[in-house]
Amino acid sequence: MMNKIENEKIWIIQRCIDAWTNHYEDWPGYSERLMTRIEMVMALKECNGKWPEHEFRGHNMNSIVERHAAGEFPRPFKSVRNRV
């Protein structure tokens, strides 16, 4: 029997740009709706088959929110050019 977390729709697929700096981009068609873990694994296989030149990762959105709140990711850079 699957546990509750297996059935939660909390996953998205993103393309890895630079894993060292946690730089990912949402991948069209795979990040607009949340998926279960099983759906995410199937979507990863699909993405890897369609676009083998890219690296894809499944991300748990609950975990990402918690990591941002803890300050684990750098804050986006704000431009000072437009300041008066």
Protein backbone atom coordinates (compact mmCIF):
# COMPACT_ATOMS: atom_id res chain seq x y z
CA MET A 1 0.00 0.00 0.00
CA MET A 2 1.30 3.45 -0.90
CA ASN A 3 1.70 6.00 1.83
CA LYS A 4 0.11 9.45 1.73
CA ILE A 5 3.16 11.26 0.34
CA GLU A 6 3.20 8.97 -2.72
CA ASN A 7 -0.26 10.27 -3.66
CA GLU A 8 0.29 13.96 -2.90
CA LYS A 9 0.49 16.22 -5.93
CA ILE A 10 3.63 18.12 -4.92
CA TRP A 11 6.10 17.46 -7.77
CA ILE A 12 7.12 19.36 -10.91
CA ILE A 13 9.78 18.79 -13.59
CA GLN A 14 12.48 21.37 -14.24
CA ARG A 15 15.44 21.45 -16.60
CA CYS A 16 18.78 21.64 -14.84
CA ILE A 17 20.89 24.57 -15.97
CA ASP A 18 23.50 24.45 -13.18
CA ALA A 19 22.96 22.05 -10.27
CA TRP A 20 25.94 23.50 -8.39
CA THR A 21 24.17 26.88 -8.05
CA ASN A 22 20.64 25.40 -7.87
CA HIS A 23 19.75 27.02 -11.19
CA TYR A 24 16.74 25.32 -12.81
CA GLU A 25 14.10 26.40 -15.27
CA ASP A 26 10.50 25.31 -15.46
CA TRP A 27 9.96 23.00 -18.41
CA PRO A 28 6.83 23.77 -20.45
CA GLY A 29 4.17 21.11 -20.07
CA TYR A 30 5.76 19.61 -16.96
CA SER A 31 5.81 22.41 -14.41
CA GLU A 32 2.40 24.04 -14.77
CA ARG A 33 0.58 21.39 -12.78
CA LEU A 34 1.63 19.45 -9.71
CA MET A 35 2.12 15.68 -10.04
CA THR A 36 2.28 12.70 -7.73
CA ARG A 37 5.68 11.08 -7.25
CA ILE A 38 4.76 8.26 -9.63
CA GLU A 39 3.59 10.75 -12.28
CA MET A 40 6.82 12.71 -11.81
CA VAL A 41 9.00 9.61 -12.35
CA MET A 42 7.06 8.77 -15.53
CA ALA A 43 7.35 12.39 -16.73
CA LEU A 44 11.13 12.34 -16.10
CA LYS A 45 11.45 9.24 -18.26
CA GLU A 46 9.37 10.93 -20.96
CA CYS A 47 11.47 14.12 -20.87
CA ASN A 48 14.74 12.17 -20.95
CA GLY A 49 13.47 10.23 -23.96
CA LYS A 50 12.28 13.31 -25.87
CA TRP A 51 15.17 15.64 -25.01
CA PRO A 52 18.27 13.55 -24.19
CA GLU A 53 20.51 16.61 -24.63
CA HIS A 54 19.05 18.14 -21.44
CA GLU A 55 19.13 17.10 -17.80
CA PHE A 56 15.81 17.10 -15.97
CA ARG A 57 14.99 16.92 -12.28
CA GLY A 58 11.82 16.32 -10.34
CA HIS A 59 11.35 18.81 -7.53
CA ASN A 60 9.12 18.57 -4.49
CA MET A 61 7.47 21.99 -4.24
CA ASN A 62 6.96 21.69 -0.48
CA SER A 63 10.69 21.15 -0.03
CA ILE A 64 11.61 24.09 -2.28
CA VAL A 65 9.39 26.48 -0.31
CA GLU A 66 10.92 25.29 2.98
CA ARG A 67 14.49 25.64 1.65
CA HIS A 68 13.84 29.18 0.40
CA ALA A 69 12.32 30.15 3.75
CA ALA A 70 15.42 28.80 5.52
CA GLY A 71 17.63 31.00 3.32
CA GLU A 72 19.28 28.05 1.64
CA PHE A 73 18.97 29.61 -1.83
CA PRO A 74 20.41 33.00 -2.71
CA ARG A 75 17.96 35.87 -3.05
CA PRO A 76 17.38 37.16 -6.58
CA PHE A 77 19.66 40.03 -7.57
CA LYS A 78 17.96 43.40 -7.74
CA SER A 79 19.20 45.90 -10.26
CA VAL A 80 20.27 49.30 -8.93
CA ARG A 81 20.15 50.96 -12.36
CA ASN A 82 16.53 52.06 -12.03
CA ARG A 83 16.87 53.61 -8.60
CA VAL A 84 16.39 57.38 -8.33
